[in-house]
Amino acid sequence: MLNRLLPAAAVALLALSACDNKPTEVSSVAPDPLAAEIANRAPVELPPAIKKEATFRCADNSLVYVTFFEGDKQALVKATQTGTPVKLTAEKAGDPFKADGYEMTGTVKAVTLTQPGKPKQLCDL
């Protein structure tokens, strides 16, 4: 009986292997309506990564919270730990960071900071 089933199974497998069971491929040939606009856009610059966050004590005994960013062209300054940060920017690395009434120079170890309504003062770790 096994001798009869073997040839029948082989014939069935051979018949199944001849079937074309490829999935139907759906594709759109319509052009992307935004392709030209996307191609003509200026390259996107990602925001810089955080370099260091530091708390500085200033000459008037106040605290200032500063977040420095990679590239040395941007910093965030807060007068209180939960306060609203002020974004200071520099034209190029090494230039003073500036924004409405603020100016800051220095490094992640010590800064000279001018804030609105306050004189220029040294702040360090």
PDB file of N, CA and C in Angstrom:
ATOM      1  N   MET A   1       0.818  -1.187   0.000  1.00  0.00           N
ATOM      2  CA  MET A   1       0.000   0.000   0.000  1.00  0.00           C
ATOM      3  C   MET A   1       0.866   1.257   0.000  1.00  0.00           C
ATOM      4  N   LEU A   2       1.962   1.182   0.716  1.00  0.00           N
ATOM      5  CA  LEU A   2       2.880   2.311   0.745  1.00  0.00           C
ATOM      6  C   LEU A   2       3.460   2.578  -0.645  1.00  0.00           C
ATOM      7  N   ASN A   3       3.641   1.482  -1.412  1.00  0.00           N
ATOM      8  CA  ASN A   3       4.191   1.644  -2.763  1.00  0.00           C
ATOM      9  C   ASN A   3       3.238   2.421  -3.654  1.00  0.00           C
ATOM     10  N   ARG A   4       1.938   2.356  -3.397  1.00  0.00           N
ATOM     11  CA  ARG A   4       0.947   3.061  -4.219  1.00  0.00           C
ATOM     12  C   ARG A   4       0.839   4.539  -3.813  1.00  0.00           C
ATOM     13  N   LEU A   5       1.011   4.819  -2.512  1.00  0.00           N
ATOM     14  CA  LEU A   5       0.868   6.194  -2.033  1.00  0.00           C
ATOM     15  C   LEU A   5       2.063   7.068  -2.405  1.00  0.00           C
ATOM     16  N   LEU A   6       3.241   6.511  -2.422  1.00  0.00           N
ATOM     17  CA  LEU A   6       4.437   7.284  -2.742  1.00  0.00           C
ATOM     18  C   LEU A   6       4.367   7.929  -4.127  1.00  0.00           C
ATOM     19  N   PRO A   7       4.060   7.186  -5.180  1.00  0.00           N
ATOM     20  CA  PRO A   7       3.976   7.830  -6.497  1.00  0.00           C
ATOM     21  C   PRO A   7       2.864   8.883  -6.553  1.00  0.00           C
ATOM     22  N   ALA A   8       1.738   8.626  -5.870  1.00  0.00           N
ATOM     23  CA  ALA A   8       0.650   9.599  -5.903  1.00  0.00           C
ATOM     24  C   ALA A   8       1.051  10.889  -5.202  1.00  0.00           C
ATOM     25  N   ALA A   9       1.767  10.777  -4.078  1.00  0.00           N
ATOM     26  CA  ALA A   9       2.231  11.960  -3.357  1.00  0.00           C
ATOM     27  C   ALA A   9       3.240  12.733  -4.186  1.00  0.00           C
ATOM     28  N   ALA A  10       4.108  12.048  -4.881  1.00  0.00           N
ATOM     29  CA  ALA A  10       5.110  12.709  -5.723  1.00  0.00           C
ATOM     30  C   ALA A  10       4.440  13.474  -6.843  1.00  0.00           C
ATOM     31  N   VAL A  11       3.422  12.885  -7.461  1.00  0.00           N
ATOM     32  CA  VAL A  11       2.697  13.545  -8.548  1.00  0.00           C
ATOM     33  C   VAL A  11       1.973  14.790  -8.012  1.00  0.00           C
ATOM     34  N   ALA A  12       1.386  14.694  -6.807  1.00  0.00           N
ATOM     35  CA  ALA A  12       0.679  15.836  -6.223  1.00  0.00           C
ATOM     36  C   ALA A  12       1.647  16.974  -5.928  1.00  0.00           C
ATOM     37  N   LEU A  13       2.819  16.656  -5.356  1.00  0.00           N
ATOM     38  CA  LEU A  13       3.824  17.685  -5.083  1.00  0.00           C
ATOM     39  C   LEU A  13       4.334  18.334  -6.358  1.00  0.00           C
ATOM     40  N   LEU A  14       4.530  17.538  -7.382  1.00  0.00           N
ATOM     41  CA  LEU A  14       4.992  18.068  -8.661  1.00  0.00           C
ATOM     42  C   LEU A  14       3.953  19.017  -9.246  1.00  0.00           C
ATOM     43  N   ALA A  15       2.690  18.673  -9.130  1.00  0.00           N
ATOM     44  CA  ALA A  15       1.626  19.526  -9.651  1.00  0.00           C
ATOM     45  C   ALA A  15       1.549  20.839  -8.875  1.00  0.00           C
ATOM     46  N   LEU A  16       1.717  20.792  -7.555  1.00  0.00           N
ATOM     47  CA  LEU A  16       1.669  22.009  -6.745  1.00  0.00           C
ATOM     48  C   LEU A  16       2.864  22.918  -7.005  1.00  0.00           C
ATOM     49  N   SER A  17       4.021  22.317  -7.274  1.00  0.00           N
ATOM     50  CA  SER A  17       5.205  23.135  -7.509  1.00  0.00           C
ATOM     51  C   SER A  17       5.113  23.899  -8.816  1.00  0.00           C
ATOM     52  N   ALA A  18       4.278  23.450  -9.712  1.00  0.00           N
ATOM     53  CA  ALA A  18       4.127  24.129 -10.989  1.00  0.00           C
ATOM     54  C   ALA A  18       3.229  25.356 -10.886  1.00  0.00           C
ATOM     55  N   CYS A  19       2.496  25.505  -9.791  1.00  0.00           N
ATOM     56  CA  CYS A  19       1.605  26.665  -9.624  1.00  0.00           C
ATOM     57  C   CYS A  19       2.425  27.932  -9.401  1.00  0.00           C
ATOM     58  N   ASP A  20       1.951  29.019  -9.919  1.00  0.00           N
ATOM     59  CA  ASP A  20       2.603  30.311  -9.725  1.00  0.00           C
ATOM     60  C   ASP A  20       1.878  31.026  -8.585  1.00  0.00           C
ATOM     61  N   ASN A  21       2.402  30.916  -7.369  1.00  0.00           N
ATOM     62  CA  ASN A  21       1.751  31.479  -6.186  1.00  0.00           C
ATOM     63  C   ASN A  21       2.384  32.799  -5.740  1.00  0.00           C
ATOM     64  N   LYS A  22       2.891  33.566  -6.657  1.00  0.00           N
ATOM     65  CA  LYS A  22       3.490  34.853  -6.296  1.00  0.00           C
ATOM     66  C   LYS A  22       2.391  35.835  -5.907  1.00  0.00           C
ATOM     67  N   PRO A  23       2.638  36.680  -4.867  1.00  0.00           N
ATOM     68  CA  PRO A  23       1.624  37.660  -4.483  1.00  0.00           C
ATOM     69  C   PRO A  23       1.490  38.744  -5.549  1.00  0.00           C
ATOM     70  N   THR A  24       0.318  39.310  -5.635  1.00  0.00           N
ATOM     71  CA  THR A  24       0.077  40.394  -6.583  1.00  0.00           C
ATOM     72  C   THR A  24       0.765  41.646  -6.055  1.00  0.00           C
ATOM     73  N   GLU A  25       1.523  42.284  -6.914  1.00  0.00           N
ATOM     74  CA  GLU A  25       2.257  43.481  -6.515  1.00  0.00           C
ATOM     75  C   GLU A  25       1.497  44.712  -6.992  1.00  0.00           C
ATOM     76  N   VAL A  26       1.170  45.584  -6.037  1.00  0.00           N
ATOM     77  CA  VAL A  26       0.443  46.808  -6.362  1.00  0.00           C
ATOM     78  C   VAL A  26       1.426  47.964  -6.290  1.00  0.00           C
ATOM     79  N   SER A  27       1.459  48.773  -7.322  1.00  0.00           N
ATOM     80  CA  SER A  27       2.359  49.927  -7.300  1.00  0.00           C
ATOM     81  C   SER A  27       1.650  51.123  -7.931  1.00  0.00           C
ATOM     82  N   SER A  28       2.088  52.278  -7.532  1.00  0.00           N
ATOM     83  CA  SER A  28       1.524  53.504  -8.067  1.00  0.00           C
ATOM     84  C   SER A  28       2.544  54.123  -9.003  1.00  0.00           C
ATOM     85  N   VAL A  29       2.109  54.450 -10.167  1.00  0.00           N
ATOM     86  CA  VAL A  29       3.015  55.078 -11.123  1.00  0.00           C
ATOM     87  C   VAL A  29       2.784  56.582 -11.199  1.00  0.00           C
ATOM     88  N   ALA A  30       1.858  57.078 -10.386  1.00  0.00           N
ATOM     89  CA  ALA A  30       1.589  58.513 -10.376  1.00  0.00           C
ATOM     90  C   ALA A  30       2.776  59.239  -9.727  1.00  0.00           C
ATOM     91  N   PRO A  31       3.227  60.351 -10.295  1.00  0.00           N
ATOM     92  CA  PRO A  31       4.356  61.082  -9.706  1.00  0.00           C
ATOM     93  C   PRO A  31       3.967  61.730  -8.377  1.00  0.00           C
ATOM     94  N   ASP A  32       4.948  61.880  -7.505  1.00  0.00           N
ATOM     95  CA  ASP A  32       4.736  62.520  -6.204  1.00  0.00           C
ATOM     96  C   ASP A  32       4.484  64.009  -6.445  1.00  0.00           C
ATOM     97  N   PRO A  33       3.330  64.550  -6.037  1.00  0.00           N
ATOM     98  CA  PRO A  33       3.046  65.962  -6.296  1.00  0.00           C
ATOM     99  C   PRO A  33       3.947  66.915  -5.507  1.00  0.00           C
ATOM    100  N   LEU A  34       4.605  66.437  -4.450  1.00  0.00           N
ATOM    101  CA  LEU A  34       5.475  67.306  -3.649  1.00  0.00           C
ATOM    102  C   LEU A  34       6.959  67.080  -3.940  1.00  0.00           C
ATOM    103  N   ALA A  35       7.282  66.235  -4.914  1.00  0.00           N
ATOM    104  CA  ALA A  35       8.679  65.893  -5.176  1.00  0.00           C
ATOM    105  C   ALA A  35       9.527  67.123  -5.501  1.00  0.00           C
ATOM    106  N   ALA A  36       9.042  68.003  -6.332  1.00  0.00           N
ATOM    107  CA  ALA A  36       9.814  69.192  -6.706  1.00  0.00           C
ATOM    108  C   ALA A  36       9.993  70.120  -5.509  1.00  0.00           C
ATOM    109  N   GLU A  37       8.932  70.292  -4.728  1.00  0.00           N
ATOM    110  CA  GLU A  37       9.021  71.162  -3.549  1.00  0.00           C
ATOM    111  C   GLU A  37      10.017  70.608  -2.531  1.00  0.00           C
ATOM    112  N   ILE A  38       9.983  69.329  -2.312  1.00  0.00           N
ATOM    113  CA  ILE A  38      10.899  68.699  -1.353  1.00  0.00           C
ATOM    114  C   ILE A  38      12.342  68.792  -1.842  1.00  0.00           C
ATOM    115  N   ALA A  39      12.547  68.600  -3.136  1.00  0.00           N
ATOM    116  CA  ALA A  39      13.899  68.659  -3.695  1.00  0.00           C
ATOM    117  C   ALA A  39      14.501  70.056  -3.597  1.00  0.00           C
ATOM    118  N   ASN A  40      13.666  71.092  -3.626  1.00  0.00           N
ATOM    119  CA  ASN A  40      14.163  72.469  -3.611  1.00  0.00           C
ATOM    120  C   ASN A  40      14.274  73.071  -2.219  1.00  0.00           C
ATOM    121  N   ARG A  41      13.910  72.330  -1.189  1.00  0.00           N
ATOM    122  CA  ARG A  41      14.003  72.856   0.177  1.00  0.00           C
ATOM    123  C   ARG A  41      15.453  72.930   0.633  1.00  0.00           C
ATOM    124  N   ALA A  42      15.692  73.878   1.520  1.00  0.00           N
ATOM    125  CA  ALA A  42      17.026  74.001   2.114  1.00  0.00           C
ATOM    126  C   ALA A  42      17.259  72.820   3.061  1.00  0.00           C
ATOM    127  N   PRO A  43      18.494  72.422   3.239  1.00  0.00           N
ATOM    128  CA  PRO A  43      18.751  71.322   4.159  1.00  0.00           C
ATOM    129  C   PRO A  43      18.336  71.682   5.586  1.00  0.00           C
ATOM    130  N   VAL A  44      17.882  70.700   6.306  1.00  0.00           N
ATOM    131  CA  VAL A  44      17.404  70.910   7.669  1.00  0.00           C
ATOM    132  C   VAL A  44      18.566  70.738   8.636  1.00  0.00           C
ATOM    133  N   GLU A  45      18.721  71.696   9.546  1.00  0.00           N
ATOM    134  CA  GLU A  45      19.765  71.601  10.567  1.00  0.00           C
ATOM    135  C   GLU A  45      19.116  71.127  11.863  1.00  0.00           C
ATOM    136  N   LEU A  46      19.602  70.012  12.370  1.00  0.00           N
ATOM    137  CA  LEU A  46      19.065  69.470  13.612  1.00  0.00           C
ATOM    138  C   LEU A  46      19.464  70.344  14.789  1.00  0.00           C
ATOM    139  N   PRO A  47      18.645  70.377  15.827  1.00  0.00           N
ATOM    140  CA  PRO A  47      19.032  71.149  17.008  1.00  0.00           C
ATOM    141  C   PRO A  47      20.256  70.516  17.658  1.00  0.00           C
ATOM    142  N   PRO A  48      21.097  71.339  18.265  1.00  0.00           N
ATOM    143  CA  PRO A  48      22.318  70.788  18.869  1.00  0.00           C
ATOM    144  C   PRO A  48      22.016  69.960  20.114  1.00  0.00           C
ATOM    145  N   ALA A  49      22.912  69.043  20.406  1.00  0.00           N
ATOM    146  CA  ALA A  49      22.797  68.219  21.603  1.00  0.00           C
ATOM    147  C   ALA A  49      23.266  69.013  22.827  1.00  0.00           C
ATOM    148  N   ILE A  50      22.745  68.650  23.987  1.00  0.00           N
ATOM    149  CA  ILE A  50      23.168  69.312  25.225  1.00  0.00           C
ATOM    150  C   ILE A  50      24.612  68.914  25.531  1.00  0.00           C
ATOM    151  N   LYS A  51      25.419  69.911  25.787  1.00  0.00           N
ATOM    152  CA  LYS A  51      26.829  69.700  26.124  1.00  0.00           C
ATOM    153  C   LYS A  51      27.002  69.565  27.632  1.00  0.00           C
ATOM    154  N   LYS A  52      26.387  70.491  28.384  1.00  0.00           N
ATOM    155  CA  LYS A  52      26.520  70.489  29.842  1.00  0.00           C
ATOM    156  C   LYS A  52      25.441  71.368  30.440  1.00  0.00           C
ATOM    157  N   GLU A  53      24.934  70.943  31.589  1.00  0.00           N
ATOM    158  CA  GLU A  53      24.033  71.771  32.383  1.00  0.00           C
ATOM    159  C   GLU A  53      24.766  72.113  33.668  1.00  0.00           C
ATOM    160  N   ALA A  54      24.736  73.384  34.040  1.00  0.00           N
ATOM    161  CA  ALA A  54      25.491  73.814  35.221  1.00  0.00           C
ATOM    162  C   ALA A  54      24.706  74.848  36.014  1.00  0.00           C
ATOM    163  N   THR A  55      24.945  74.831  37.328  1.00  0.00           N
ATOM    164  CA  THR A  55      24.387  75.840  38.220  1.00  0.00           C
ATOM    165  C   THR A  55      25.544  76.709  38.688  1.00  0.00           C
ATOM    166  N   PHE A  56      25.447  78.000  38.438  1.00  0.00           N
ATOM    167  CA  PHE A  56      26.505  78.936  38.794  1.00  0.00           C
ATOM    168  C   PHE A  56      26.052  79.832  39.940  1.00  0.00           C
ATOM    169  N   ARG A  57      26.981  80.154  40.832  1.00  0.00           N
ATOM    170  CA  ARG A  57      26.743  81.159  41.872  1.00  0.00           C
ATOM    171  C   ARG A  57      27.412  82.435  41.388  1.00  0.00           C
ATOM    172  N   CYS A  58      26.647  83.520  41.373  1.00  0.00           N
ATOM    173  CA  CYS A  58      27.156  84.792  40.853  1.00  0.00           C
ATOM    174  C   CYS A  58      27.676  85.674  41.991  1.00  0.00           C
ATOM    175  N   ALA A  59      28.330  86.766  41.618  1.00  0.00           N
ATOM    176  CA  ALA A  59      28.949  87.680  42.581  1.00  0.00           C
ATOM    177  C   ALA A  59      27.929  88.266  43.554  1.00  0.00           C
ATOM    178  N   ASP A  60      26.673  88.447  43.138  1.00  0.00           N
ATOM    179  CA  ASP A  60      25.654  88.992  44.037  1.00  0.00           C
ATOM    180  C   ASP A  60      24.979  87.892  44.875  1.00  0.00           C
ATOM    181  N   ASN A  61      25.559  86.696  44.877  1.00  0.00           N
ATOM    182  CA  ASN A  61      25.106  85.528  45.637  1.00  0.00           C
ATOM    183  C   ASN A  61      23.833  84.890  45.068  1.00  0.00           C
ATOM    184  N   SER A  62      23.430  85.258  43.866  1.00  0.00           N
ATOM    185  CA  SER A  62      22.280  84.623  43.225  1.00  0.00           C
ATOM    186  C   SER A  62      22.743  83.388  42.448  1.00  0.00           C
ATOM    187  N   LEU A  63      21.809  82.519  42.125  1.00  0.00           N
ATOM    188  CA  LEU A  63      22.102  81.342  41.319  1.00  0.00           C
ATOM    189  C   LEU A  63      21.592  81.549  39.903  1.00  0.00           C
ATOM    190  N   VAL A  64      22.316  80.987  38.952  1.00  0.00           N
ATOM    191  CA  VAL A  64      21.909  81.012  37.549  1.00  0.00           C
ATOM    192  C   VAL A  64      22.074  79.597  37.014  1.00  0.00           C
ATOM    193  N   TYR A  65      21.074  79.132  36.284  1.00  0.00           N
ATOM    194  CA  TYR A  65      21.077  77.788  35.725  1.00  0.00           C
ATOM    195  C   TYR A  65      21.295  77.905  34.218  1.00  0.00           C
ATOM    196  N   VAL A  66      22.368  77.279  33.727  1.00  0.00           N
ATOM    197  CA  VAL A  66      22.746  77.424  32.321  1.00  0.00           C
ATOM    198  C   VAL A  66      22.853  76.044  31.674  1.00  0.00           C
ATOM    199  N   THR A  67      22.286  75.935  30.482  1.00  0.00           N
ATOM    200  CA  THR A  67      22.423  74.735  29.659  1.00  0.00           C
ATOM    201  C   THR A  67      23.242  75.125  28.439  1.00  0.00           C
ATOM    202  N   PHE A  68      24.387  74.494  28.280  1.00  0.00           N
ATOM    203  CA  PHE A  68      25.258  74.734  27.131  1.00  0.00           C
ATOM    204  C   PHE A  68      24.972  73.657  26.076  1.00  0.00           C
ATOM    205  N   PHE A  69      25.084  74.023  24.807  1.00  0.00           N
ATOM    206  CA  PHE A  69      24.826  73.100  23.708  1.00  0.00           C
ATOM    207  C   PHE A  69      26.073  72.914  22.859  1.00  0.00           C
ATOM    208  N   GLU A  70      26.169  71.741  22.221  1.00  0.00           N
ATOM    209  CA  GLU A  70      27.287  71.453  21.316  1.00  0.00           C
ATOM    210  C   GLU A  70      27.336  72.506  20.216  1.00  0.00           C
ATOM    211  N   GLY A  71      28.531  72.819  19.766  1.00  0.00           N
ATOM    212  CA  GLY A  71      28.719  73.827  18.725  1.00  0.00           C
ATOM    213  C   GLY A  71      28.995  75.201  19.287  1.00  0.00           C
ATOM    214  N   ASP A  72      28.746  75.386  20.581  1.00  0.00           N
ATOM    215  CA  ASP A  72      29.035  76.646  21.278  1.00  0.00           C
ATOM    216  C   ASP A  72      28.404  77.870  20.620  1.00  0.00           C
ATOM    217  N   LYS A  73      27.174  77.698  20.102  1.00  0.00           N
ATOM    218  CA  LYS A  73      26.456  78.822  19.517  1.00  0.00           C
ATOM    219  C   LYS A  73      25.125  79.073  20.205  1.00  0.00           C
ATOM    220  N   GLN A  74      24.800  78.266  21.228  1.00  0.00           N
ATOM    221  CA  GLN A  74      23.506  78.400  21.882  1.00  0.00           C
ATOM    222  C   GLN A  74      23.621  78.010  23.345  1.00  0.00           C
ATOM    223  N   ALA A  75      22.878  78.729  24.198  1.00  0.00           N
ATOM    224  CA  ALA A  75      22.791  78.407  25.622  1.00  0.00           C
ATOM    225  C   ALA A  75      21.415  78.836  26.123  1.00  0.00           C
ATOM    226  N   LEU A  76      20.940  78.141  27.141  1.00  0.00           N
ATOM    227  CA  LEU A  76      19.703  78.526  27.814  1.00  0.00           C
ATOM    228  C   LEU A  76      20.063  78.997  29.206  1.00  0.00           C
ATOM    229  N   VAL A  77      19.481  80.113  29.643  1.00  0.00           N
ATOM    230  CA  VAL A  77      19.752  80.675  30.966  1.00  0.00           C
ATOM    231  C   VAL A  77      18.428  80.799  31.718  1.00  0.00           C
ATOM    232  N   LYS A  78      18.434  80.357  32.987  1.00  0.00           N
ATOM    233  CA  LYS A  78      17.256  80.493  33.852  1.00  0.00           C
ATOM    234  C   LYS A  78      17.699  81.150  35.158  1.00  0.00           C
ATOM    235  N   ALA A  79      16.884  82.078  35.647  1.00  0.00           N
ATOM    236  CA  ALA A  79      17.182  82.746  36.913  1.00  0.00           C
ATOM    237  C   ALA A  79      16.770  81.885  38.103  1.00  0.00           C
ATOM    238  N   THR A  80      15.805  80.983  37.899  1.00  0.00           N
ATOM    239  CA  THR A  80      15.391  80.038  38.944  1.00  0.00           C
ATOM    240  C   THR A  80      15.371  78.650  38.326  1.00  0.00           C
ATOM    241  N   GLN A  81      15.446  77.642  39.167  1.00  0.00           N
ATOM    242  CA  GLN A  81      15.525  76.281  38.662  1.00  0.00           C
ATOM    243  C   GLN A  81      14.293  75.892  37.828  1.00  0.00           C
ATOM    244  N   THR A  82      13.133  76.393  38.209  1.00  0.00           N
ATOM    245  CA  THR A  82      11.908  76.074  37.470  1.00  0.00           C
ATOM    246  C   THR A  82      11.445  77.222  36.583  1.00  0.00           C
ATOM    247  N   GLY A  83      12.298  78.231  36.427  1.00  0.00           N
ATOM    248  CA  GLY A  83      11.933  79.402  35.635  1.00  0.00           C
ATOM    249  C   GLY A  83      11.922  79.124  34.149  1.00  0.00           C
ATOM    250  N   THR A  84      11.435  80.092  33.409  1.00  0.00           N
ATOM    251  CA  THR A  84      11.398  80.004  31.955  1.00  0.00           C
ATOM    252  C   THR A  84      12.797  80.263  31.398  1.00  0.00           C
ATOM    253  N   PRO A  85      13.317  79.364  30.573  1.00  0.00           N
ATOM    254  CA  PRO A  85      14.653  79.574  30.026  1.00  0.00           C
ATOM    255  C   PRO A  85      14.648  80.659  28.950  1.00  0.00           C
ATOM    256  N   VAL A  86      15.750  81.396  28.897  1.00  0.00           N
ATOM    257  CA  VAL A  86      15.970  82.397  27.857  1.00  0.00           C
ATOM    258  C   VAL A  86      17.041  81.844  26.931  1.00  0.00           C
ATOM    259  N   LYS A  87      16.734  81.783  25.642  1.00  0.00           N
ATOM    260  CA  LYS A  87      17.676  81.243  24.657  1.00  0.00           C
ATOM    261  C   LYS A  87      18.645  82.343  24.231  1.00  0.00           C
ATOM    262  N   LEU A  88      19.926  82.115  24.509  1.00  0.00           N
ATOM    263  CA  LEU A  88      20.982  83.033  24.084  1.00  0.00           C
ATOM    264  C   LEU A  88      21.712  82.387  22.910  1.00  0.00           C
ATOM    265  N   THR A  89      22.044  83.181  21.917  1.00  0.00           N
ATOM    266  CA  THR A  89      22.745  82.649  20.745  1.00  0.00           C
ATOM    267  C   THR A  89      23.980  83.473  20.436  1.00  0.00           C
ATOM    268  N   ALA A  90      24.909  82.850  19.732  1.00  0.00           N
ATOM    269  CA  ALA A  90      26.136  83.513  19.279  1.00  0.00           C
ATOM    270  C   ALA A  90      26.239  83.326  17.769  1.00  0.00           C
ATOM    271  N   GLU A  91      26.786  84.313  17.091  1.00  0.00           N
ATOM    272  CA  GLU A  91      26.959  84.222  15.638  1.00  0.00           C
ATOM    273  C   GLU A  91      27.867  83.057  15.270  1.00  0.00           C
ATOM    274  N   LYS A  92      28.972  82.932  16.009  1.00  0.00           N
ATOM    275  CA  LYS A  92      29.910  81.818  15.787  1.00  0.00           C
ATOM    276  C   LYS A  92      30.488  81.410  17.130  1.00  0.00           C
ATOM    277  N   ALA A  93      31.049  80.237  17.182  1.00  0.00           N
ATOM    278  CA  ALA A  93      31.627  79.729  18.428  1.00  0.00           C
ATOM    279  C   ALA A  93      32.687  80.703  18.946  1.00  0.00           C
ATOM    280  N   GLY A  94      32.621  81.028  20.235  1.00  0.00           N
ATOM    281  CA  GLY A  94      33.567  81.962  20.840  1.00  0.00           C
ATOM    282  C   GLY A  94      33.010  83.366  20.985  1.00  0.00           C
ATOM    283  N   ASP A  95      31.987  83.714  20.193  1.00  0.00           N
ATOM    284  CA  ASP A  95      31.341  85.023  20.331  1.00  0.00           C
ATOM    285  C   ASP A  95      30.470  85.023  21.584  1.00  0.00           C
ATOM    286  N   PRO A  96      30.152  86.209  22.120  1.00  0.00           N
ATOM    287  CA  PRO A  96      29.250  86.265  23.277  1.00  0.00           C
ATOM    288  C   PRO A  96      27.850  85.759  22.911  1.00  0.00           C
ATOM    289  N   PHE A  97      27.225  85.085  23.849  1.00  0.00           N
ATOM    290  CA  PHE A  97      25.829  84.675  23.701  1.00  0.00           C
ATOM    291  C   PHE A  97      24.972  85.894  24.031  1.00  0.00           C
ATOM    292  N   LYS A  98      23.969  86.187  23.195  1.00  0.00           N
ATOM    293  CA  LYS A  98      23.154  87.384  23.405  1.00  0.00           C
ATOM    294  C   LYS A  98      21.679  87.094  23.176  1.00  0.00           C
ATOM    295  N   ALA A  99      20.848  87.842  23.873  1.00  0.00           N
ATOM    296  CA  ALA A  99      19.391  87.885  23.678  1.00  0.00           C
ATOM    297  C   ALA A  99      18.899  89.096  24.448  1.00  0.00           C
ATOM    298  N   ASP A 100      17.684  89.504  24.241  1.00  0.00           N
ATOM    299  CA  ASP A 100      17.067  90.691  24.834  1.00  0.00           C
ATOM    300  C   ASP A 100      17.586  91.047  26.227  1.00  0.00           C
ATOM    301  N   GLY A 101      18.586  91.912  26.293  1.00  0.00           N
ATOM    302  CA  GLY A 101      19.109  92.383  27.576  1.00  0.00           C
ATOM    303  C   GLY A 101      20.089  91.431  28.247  1.00  0.00           C
ATOM    304  N   TYR A 102      20.325  90.265  27.671  1.00  0.00           N
ATOM    305  CA  TYR A 102      21.268  89.293  28.223  1.00  0.00           C
ATOM    306  C   TYR A 102      22.531  89.268  27.368  1.00  0.00           C
ATOM    307  N   GLU A 103      23.653  89.062  28.040  1.00  0.00           N
ATOM    308  CA  GLU A 103      24.911  88.797  27.346  1.00  0.00           C
ATOM    309  C   GLU A 103      25.735  87.903  28.255  1.00  0.00           C
ATOM    310  N   MET A 104      26.298  86.848  27.671  1.00  0.00           N
ATOM    311  CA  MET A 104      27.074  85.900  28.460  1.00  0.00           C
ATOM    312  C   MET A 104      28.312  85.476  27.687  1.00  0.00           C
ATOM    313  N   THR A 105      29.441  85.464  28.387  1.00  0.00           N
ATOM    314  CA  THR A 105      30.680  84.929  27.832  1.00  0.00           C
ATOM    315  C   THR A 105      31.239  83.936  28.845  1.00  0.00           C
ATOM    316  N   GLY A 106      32.129  83.088  28.396  1.00  0.00           N
ATOM    317  CA  GLY A 106      32.762  82.153  29.313  1.00  0.00           C
ATOM    318  C   GLY A 106      32.661  80.713  28.849  1.00  0.00           C
ATOM    319  N   THR A 107      32.858  79.806  29.812  1.00  0.00           N
ATOM    320  CA  THR A 107      32.888  78.377  29.535  1.00  0.00           C
ATOM    321  C   THR A 107      31.937  77.651  30.477  1.00  0.00           C
ATOM    322  N   VAL A 108      31.976  76.320  30.429  1.00  0.00           N
ATOM    323  CA  VAL A 108      31.114  75.521  31.305  1.00  0.00           C
ATOM    324  C   VAL A 108      31.577  75.566  32.755  1.00  0.00           C
ATOM    325  N   LYS A 109      32.714  76.210  33.028  1.00  0.00           N
ATOM    326  CA  LYS A 109      33.238  76.309  34.400  1.00  0.00           C
ATOM    327  C   LYS A 109      32.974  77.671  35.039  1.00  0.00           C
ATOM    328  N   ALA A 110      32.895  78.719  34.231  1.00  0.00           N
ATOM    329  CA  ALA A 110      32.654  80.074  34.741  1.00  0.00           C
ATOM    330  C   ALA A 110      32.166  80.953  33.598  1.00  0.00           C
ATOM    331  N   VAL A 111      31.230  81.848  33.920  1.00  0.00           N
ATOM    332  CA  VAL A 111      30.701  82.763  32.913  1.00  0.00           C
ATOM    333  C   VAL A 111      30.658  84.174  33.473  1.00  0.00           C
ATOM    334  N   THR A 112      30.674  85.129  32.567  1.00  0.00           N
ATOM    335  CA  THR A 112      30.397  86.522  32.911  1.00  0.00           C
ATOM    336  C   THR A 112      29.041  86.813  32.300  1.00  0.00           C
ATOM    337  N   LEU A 113      28.109  87.226  33.142  1.00  0.00           N
ATOM    338  CA  LEU A 113      26.721  87.344  32.714  1.00  0.00           C
ATOM    339  C   LEU A 113      26.173  88.730  33.003  1.00  0.00           C
ATOM    340  N   THR A 114      25.505  89.291  31.993  1.00  0.00           N
ATOM    341  CA  THR A 114      24.739  90.523  32.161  1.00  0.00           C
ATOM    342  C   THR A 114      23.278  90.156  31.942  1.00  0.00           C
ATOM    343  N   GLN A 115      22.439  90.478  32.925  1.00  0.00           N
ATOM    344  CA  GLN A 115      21.004  90.213  32.840  1.00  0.00           C
ATOM    345  C   GLN A 115      20.266  91.542  32.872  1.00  0.00           C
ATOM    346  N   PRO A 116      19.061  91.591  32.349  1.00  0.00           N
ATOM    347  CA  PRO A 116      18.300  92.838  32.396  1.00  0.00           C
ATOM    348  C   PRO A 116      18.140  93.329  33.839  1.00  0.00           C
ATOM    349  N   GLY A 117      18.491  94.587  34.059  1.00  0.00           N
ATOM    350  CA  GLY A 117      18.352  95.191  35.381  1.00  0.00           C
ATOM    351  C   GLY A 117      19.466  94.852  36.358  1.00  0.00           C
ATOM    352  N   LYS A 118      20.466  94.116  35.917  1.00  0.00           N
ATOM    353  CA  LYS A 118      21.588  93.759  36.794  1.00  0.00           C
ATOM    354  C   LYS A 118      22.903  94.120  36.104  1.00  0.00           C
ATOM    355  N   PRO A 119      23.937  94.452  36.895  1.00  0.00           N
ATOM    356  CA  PRO A 119      25.227  94.736  36.279  1.00  0.00           C
ATOM    357  C   PRO A 119      25.915  93.438  35.827  1.00  0.00           C
ATOM    358  N   LYS A 120      26.921  93.601  35.028  1.00  0.00           N
ATOM    359  CA  LYS A 120      27.722  92.456  34.583  1.00  0.00           C
ATOM    360  C   LYS A 120      28.405  91.851  35.815  1.00  0.00           C
ATOM    361  N   GLN A 121      28.372  90.525  35.920  1.00  0.00           N
ATOM    362  CA  GLN A 121      28.985  89.881  37.073  1.00  0.00           C
ATOM    363  C   GLN A 121      29.551  88.512  36.696  1.00  0.00           C
ATOM    364  N   LEU A 122      30.536  88.096  37.480  1.00  0.00           N
ATOM    365  CA  LEU A 122      31.163  86.788  37.303  1.00  0.00           C
ATOM    366  C   LEU A 122      30.340  85.749  38.031  1.00  0.00           C
ATOM    367  N   CYS A 123      30.102  84.624  37.391  1.00  0.00           N
ATOM    368  CA  CYS A 123      29.383  83.501  37.991  1.00  0.00           C
ATOM    369  C   CYS A 123      30.214  82.253  37.758  1.00  0.00           C
ATOM    370  N   ASP A 124      30.424  81.466  38.825  1.00  0.00           N
ATOM    371  CA  ASP A 124      31.210  80.243  38.651  1.00  0.00           C
ATOM    372  C   ASP A 124      30.598  79.098  39.438  1.00  0.00           C
ATOM    373  N   LEU A 125      31.178  77.924  39.201  1.00  0.00           N
ATOM    374  CA  LEU A 125      30.664  76.715  39.844  1.00  0.00           C
ATOM    375  C   LEU A 125      30.947  76.795  41.286  1.00  0.00           C
TER     376      LEU A 125
END
